[in-house]
Amino acid sequence: IMQIARNSVVTLKYTVKDPDGNLIDAGNAPLVYLHGGYGGIFDRIEEAVQGKVAGDSIEVKLQPEDAFGEYDAELIIIEPRNLFPDNIEMGTQFERGDEDERLYTITDITEDKVVVDGNHPLAGMALIFSCTVTDVRAATSEEVAHGHVHGAHGHHH
């Protein structure tokens, strides 16, 4: 039986809830990632599943700093309405930025202004991540070289 260790490819069936038990992510598709500090999953979850085997279940409470970060009021930007197309709607998301490609969400629209928020929708929230390990396999040398999983559910170039 293979234990989760560095350079394992891990498949998790998971759900994410907020601290009140409201479902945030039903995890309809399994999460498949390369274990071992490649950034494929939050560090706290990697620590929790280290050494586990298929069939094991864990629950991890993630503080905001362990998940999508604290809420940053400086990422809220008010811009002139005429910079945007006519058909924008509340909740529309768009990318902007040179290196980080931050995702902005439109949170308010008035006649002459648009408010956009560069925080992740889950920023500032604690999250409960519950998962069951469904598969553990050794990564291929190519996957290790690239730092992510290839194939089904994996990363496509």
C-alpha atoms as a PDB file:
ATOM      1  CA  ILE A   1       0.000   0.000   0.000  1.00  0.00           C
ATOM      2  CA  MET A   2       1.504   3.273  -1.090  1.00  0.00           C
ATOM      3  CA  GLN A   3       1.771   6.146   1.360  1.00  0.00           C
ATOM      4  CA  ILE A   4       1.565   9.750   0.235  1.00  0.00           C
ATOM      5  CA  ALA A   5       5.092  11.149   0.021  1.00  0.00           C
ATOM      6  CA  ARG A   6       7.073  13.555  -2.118  1.00  0.00           C
ATOM      7  CA  ASN A   7       6.489  12.898  -5.822  1.00  0.00           C
ATOM      8  CA  SER A   8       3.291  10.924  -5.305  1.00  0.00           C
ATOM      9  CA  VAL A   9       0.350  11.752  -7.525  1.00  0.00           C
ATOM     10  CA  VAL A  10      -2.596  12.038  -5.161  1.00  0.00           C
ATOM     11  CA  THR A  11      -6.308  11.925  -6.026  1.00  0.00           C
ATOM     12  CA  LEU A  12      -8.693  13.413  -3.474  1.00  0.00           C
ATOM     13  CA  LYS A  13     -12.474  13.375  -3.355  1.00  0.00           C
ATOM     14  CA  TYR A  14     -13.208  16.566  -1.450  1.00  0.00           C
ATOM     15  CA  THR A  15     -15.671  19.184  -0.271  1.00  0.00           C
ATOM     16  CA  VAL A  16     -15.061  22.689   1.032  1.00  0.00           C
ATOM     17  CA  LYS A  17     -17.382  24.347   3.553  1.00  0.00           C
ATOM     18  CA  ASP A  18     -17.309  27.591   5.459  1.00  0.00           C
ATOM     19  CA  PRO A  19     -17.102  27.455   9.284  1.00  0.00           C
ATOM     20  CA  ASP A  20     -20.924  27.566   9.475  1.00  0.00           C
ATOM     21  CA  GLY A  21     -21.186  24.408   7.377  1.00  0.00           C
ATOM     22  CA  ASN A  22     -22.334  26.061   4.148  1.00  0.00           C
ATOM     23  CA  LEU A  23     -21.061  24.248   1.057  1.00  0.00           C
ATOM     24  CA  ILE A  24     -18.606  26.358  -0.956  1.00  0.00           C
ATOM     25  CA  ASP A  25     -17.220  23.726  -3.323  1.00  0.00           C
ATOM     26  CA  ALA A  26     -18.987  20.393  -3.812  1.00  0.00           C
ATOM     27  CA  GLY A  27     -15.862  18.928  -5.413  1.00  0.00           C
ATOM     28  CA  ASN A  28     -17.719  17.492  -8.397  1.00  0.00           C
ATOM     29  CA  ALA A  29     -14.434  16.588 -10.069  1.00  0.00           C
ATOM     30  CA  PRO A  30     -11.703  14.911  -8.027  1.00  0.00           C
ATOM     31  CA  LEU A  31      -8.606  16.902  -7.160  1.00  0.00           C
ATOM     32  CA  VAL A  32      -5.434  15.403  -8.611  1.00  0.00           C
ATOM     33  CA  TYR A  33      -2.086  16.930  -7.718  1.00  0.00           C
ATOM     34  CA  LEU A  34       1.639  16.224  -7.462  1.00  0.00           C
ATOM     35  CA  HIS A  35       2.578  16.006  -3.769  1.00  0.00           C
ATOM     36  CA  GLY A  36       5.769  17.527  -2.433  1.00  0.00           C
ATOM     37  CA  GLY A  37       5.744  21.304  -2.359  1.00  0.00           C
ATOM     38  CA  TYR A  38       4.928  21.979  -6.012  1.00  0.00           C
ATOM     39  CA  GLY A  39       2.126  24.373  -5.109  1.00  0.00           C
ATOM     40  CA  GLY A  40      -0.595  22.102  -6.497  1.00  0.00           C
ATOM     41  CA  ILE A  41      -2.590  22.349  -3.285  1.00  0.00           C
ATOM     42  CA  PHE A  42      -2.482  24.432  -0.109  1.00  0.00           C
ATOM     43  CA  ASP A  43       0.510  23.643   2.132  1.00  0.00           C
ATOM     44  CA  ARG A  44      -1.639  22.861   5.159  1.00  0.00           C
ATOM     45  CA  ILE A  45      -3.490  20.160   3.207  1.00  0.00           C
ATOM     46  CA  GLU A  46      -0.224  18.661   1.973  1.00  0.00           C
ATOM     47  CA  GLU A  47       0.991  18.455   5.562  1.00  0.00           C
ATOM     48  CA  ALA A  48      -2.238  16.763   6.635  1.00  0.00           C
ATOM     49  CA  VAL A  49      -2.262  14.077   3.928  1.00  0.00           C
ATOM     50  CA  GLN A  50       1.475  13.302   4.131  1.00  0.00           C
ATOM     51  CA  GLY A  51       1.864   9.579   4.948  1.00  0.00           C
ATOM     52  CA  LYS A  52      -1.813   8.786   4.359  1.00  0.00           C
ATOM     53  CA  VAL A  53      -3.007   5.959   2.109  1.00  0.00           C
ATOM     54  CA  ALA A  54      -5.988   5.431  -0.204  1.00  0.00           C
ATOM     55  CA  GLY A  55      -9.170   5.248   1.857  1.00  0.00           C
ATOM     56  CA  ASP A  56      -7.980   7.642   4.559  1.00  0.00           C
ATOM     57  CA  SER A  57     -10.155  10.679   5.255  1.00  0.00           C
ATOM     58  CA  ILE A  58      -9.067  13.956   6.802  1.00  0.00           C
ATOM     59  CA  GLU A  59     -10.539  17.328   7.638  1.00  0.00           C
ATOM     60  CA  VAL A  60      -8.389  20.447   7.665  1.00  0.00           C
ATOM     61  CA  LYS A  61      -9.467  23.840   8.941  1.00  0.00           C
ATOM     62  CA  LEU A  62      -7.731  26.504   6.866  1.00  0.00           C
ATOM     63  CA  GLN A  63      -7.366  30.001   8.246  1.00  0.00           C
ATOM     64  CA  PRO A  64      -7.466  32.740   5.578  1.00  0.00           C
ATOM     65  CA  GLU A  65      -3.669  32.953   5.498  1.00  0.00           C
ATOM     66  CA  ASP A  66      -3.538  29.191   4.790  1.00  0.00           C
ATOM     67  CA  ALA A  67      -6.062  29.494   1.960  1.00  0.00           C
ATOM     68  CA  PHE A  68      -6.878  32.497  -0.241  1.00  0.00           C
ATOM     69  CA  GLY A  69      -5.281  35.169   1.953  1.00  0.00           C
ATOM     70  CA  GLU A  70      -6.588  38.014   4.062  1.00  0.00           C
ATOM     71  CA  TYR A  71      -9.001  40.505   2.532  1.00  0.00           C
ATOM     72  CA  ASP A  72      -7.091  43.501   1.159  1.00  0.00           C
ATOM     73  CA  ALA A  73      -9.122  46.703   0.927  1.00  0.00           C
ATOM     74  CA  GLU A  74      -6.454  48.228  -1.318  1.00  0.00           C
ATOM     75  CA  LEU A  75      -7.490  45.816  -4.078  1.00  0.00           C
ATOM     76  CA  ILE A  76     -10.830  47.587  -4.450  1.00  0.00           C
ATOM     77  CA  ILE A  77     -10.642  50.028  -7.350  1.00  0.00           C
ATOM     78  CA  ILE A  78     -13.218  52.574  -8.534  1.00  0.00           C
ATOM     79  CA  GLU A  79     -12.997  53.335 -12.243  1.00  0.00           C
ATOM     80  CA  PRO A  80     -14.920  55.478 -14.744  1.00  0.00           C
ATOM     81  CA  ARG A  81     -17.885  53.683 -16.296  1.00  0.00           C
ATOM     82  CA  ASN A  82     -16.757  54.616 -19.824  1.00  0.00           C
ATOM     83  CA  LEU A  83     -13.690  52.370 -19.544  1.00  0.00           C
ATOM     84  CA  PHE A  84     -15.972  49.326 -19.644  1.00  0.00           C
ATOM     85  CA  PRO A  85     -18.170  47.868 -22.383  1.00  0.00           C
ATOM     86  CA  ASP A  86     -21.917  48.455 -22.214  1.00  0.00           C
ATOM     87  CA  ASN A  87     -22.832  44.891 -21.411  1.00  0.00           C
ATOM     88  CA  ILE A  88     -20.980  44.419 -18.129  1.00  0.00           C
ATOM     89  CA  GLU A  89     -22.855  42.873 -15.208  1.00  0.00           C
ATOM     90  CA  MET A  90     -22.361  42.512 -11.478  1.00  0.00           C
ATOM     91  CA  GLY A  91     -20.128  39.556 -10.739  1.00  0.00           C
ATOM     92  CA  THR A  92     -18.372  39.663 -14.110  1.00  0.00           C
ATOM     93  CA  GLN A  93     -14.739  38.623 -13.701  1.00  0.00           C
ATOM     94  CA  PHE A  94     -11.781  39.680 -15.784  1.00  0.00           C
ATOM     95  CA  GLU A  95      -8.011  39.338 -15.572  1.00  0.00           C
ATOM     96  CA  ARG A  96      -5.658  42.230 -15.367  1.00  0.00           C
ATOM     97  CA  GLY A  97      -2.036  42.645 -14.478  1.00  0.00           C
ATOM     98  CA  ASP A  98       1.351  41.916 -15.925  1.00  0.00           C
ATOM     99  CA  GLU A  99       2.880  39.111 -13.884  1.00  0.00           C
ATOM    100  CA  ASP A 100       0.276  38.018 -11.385  1.00  0.00           C
ATOM    101  CA  GLU A 101      -2.772  38.074 -13.718  1.00  0.00           C
ATOM    102  CA  ARG A 102      -5.023  38.953 -10.815  1.00  0.00           C
ATOM    103  CA  LEU A 103      -8.712  38.209 -11.316  1.00  0.00           C
ATOM    104  CA  TYR A 104     -10.994  41.180 -10.655  1.00  0.00           C
ATOM    105  CA  THR A 105     -14.718  40.934  -9.962  1.00  0.00           C
ATOM    106  CA  ILE A 106     -17.182  43.752 -10.673  1.00  0.00           C
ATOM    107  CA  THR A 107     -18.999  44.411  -7.387  1.00  0.00           C
ATOM    108  CA  ASP A 108     -20.898  47.616  -8.152  1.00  0.00           C
ATOM    109  CA  ILE A 109     -22.003  49.546 -11.243  1.00  0.00           C
ATOM    110  CA  THR A 110     -23.428  53.083 -11.205  1.00  0.00           C
ATOM    111  CA  GLU A 111     -24.101  55.515 -14.036  1.00  0.00           C
ATOM    112  CA  ASP A 112     -20.560  56.859 -14.049  1.00  0.00           C
ATOM    113  CA  LYS A 113     -18.490  54.471 -11.910  1.00  0.00           C
ATOM    114  CA  VAL A 114     -17.586  50.789 -11.735  1.00  0.00           C
ATOM    115  CA  VAL A 115     -16.215  49.187  -8.575  1.00  0.00           C
ATOM    116  CA  VAL A 116     -13.913  46.222  -9.110  1.00  0.00           C
ATOM    117  CA  ASP A 117     -12.478  43.981  -6.397  1.00  0.00           C
ATOM    118  CA  GLY A 118      -9.165  42.193  -6.902  1.00  0.00           C
ATOM    119  CA  ASN A 119      -9.583  39.972  -3.854  1.00  0.00           C
ATOM    120  CA  HIS A 120     -10.276  36.287  -4.384  1.00  0.00           C
ATOM    121  CA  PRO A 121     -13.993  35.674  -3.640  1.00  0.00           C
ATOM    122  CA  LEU A 122     -12.892  33.492  -0.697  1.00  0.00           C
ATOM    123  CA  ALA A 123     -10.280  35.946   0.647  1.00  0.00           C
ATOM    124  CA  GLY A 124     -10.600  36.563   4.364  1.00  0.00           C
ATOM    125  CA  MET A 125     -12.556  33.358   4.910  1.00  0.00           C
ATOM    126  CA  ALA A 126     -11.657  30.339   6.992  1.00  0.00           C
ATOM    127  CA  LEU A 127     -12.459  27.119   5.132  1.00  0.00           C
ATOM    128  CA  ILE A 128     -13.085  23.524   6.203  1.00  0.00           C
ATOM    129  CA  PHE A 129     -11.505  21.163   3.666  1.00  0.00           C
ATOM    130  CA  SER A 130     -12.744  17.566   4.000  1.00  0.00           C
ATOM    131  CA  CYS A 131     -11.303  14.890   1.767  1.00  0.00           C
ATOM    132  CA  THR A 132     -10.848  11.191   1.219  1.00  0.00           C
ATOM    133  CA  VAL A 133      -7.740   9.880  -0.515  1.00  0.00           C
ATOM    134  CA  THR A 134      -8.969   7.785  -3.441  1.00  0.00           C
ATOM    135  CA  ASP A 135      -5.701   7.052  -5.231  1.00  0.00           C
ATOM    136  CA  VAL A 136      -1.952   7.313  -4.687  1.00  0.00           C
ATOM    137  CA  ARG A 137       0.608   6.509  -7.362  1.00  0.00           C
ATOM    138  CA  ALA A 138       4.212   7.335  -8.107  1.00  0.00           C
ATOM    139  CA  ALA A 139       4.691  10.297 -10.406  1.00  0.00           C
ATOM    140  CA  THR A 140       6.447   9.761 -13.716  1.00  0.00           C
ATOM    141  CA  SER A 141       9.858  11.354 -14.178  1.00  0.00           C
ATOM    142  CA  GLU A 142       8.275  13.738 -16.667  1.00  0.00           C
ATOM    143  CA  GLU A 143       5.641  14.844 -14.140  1.00  0.00           C
ATOM    144  CA  VAL A 144       8.340  15.452 -11.535  1.00  0.00           C
ATOM    145  CA  ALA A 145      10.411  17.426 -14.051  1.00  0.00           C
ATOM    146  CA  HIS A 146       7.406  19.598 -14.948  1.00  0.00           C
ATOM    147  CA  GLY A 147       6.148  19.911 -11.376  1.00  0.00           C
ATOM    148  CA  HIS A 148       2.560  18.853 -12.116  1.00  0.00           C
ATOM    149  CA  VAL A 149       0.364  15.923 -13.102  1.00  0.00           C
ATOM    150  CA  HIS A 150      -0.135  14.964 -16.746  1.00  0.00           C
ATOM    151  CA  GLY A 151      -2.979  13.048 -18.363  1.00  0.00           C
ATOM    152  CA  ALA A 152      -6.589  12.788 -17.207  1.00  0.00           C
ATOM    153  CA  HIS A 153      -7.475  15.598 -14.744  1.00  0.00           C
ATOM    154  CA  GLY A 154      -3.887  16.785 -15.055  1.00  0.00           C
ATOM    155  CA  HIS A 155      -2.222  19.771 -16.608  1.00  0.00           C
ATOM    156  CA  HIS A 156      -2.317  20.128 -20.387  1.00  0.00           C
ATOM    157  CA  HIS A 157       0.279  22.161 -22.222  1.00  0.00           C
END
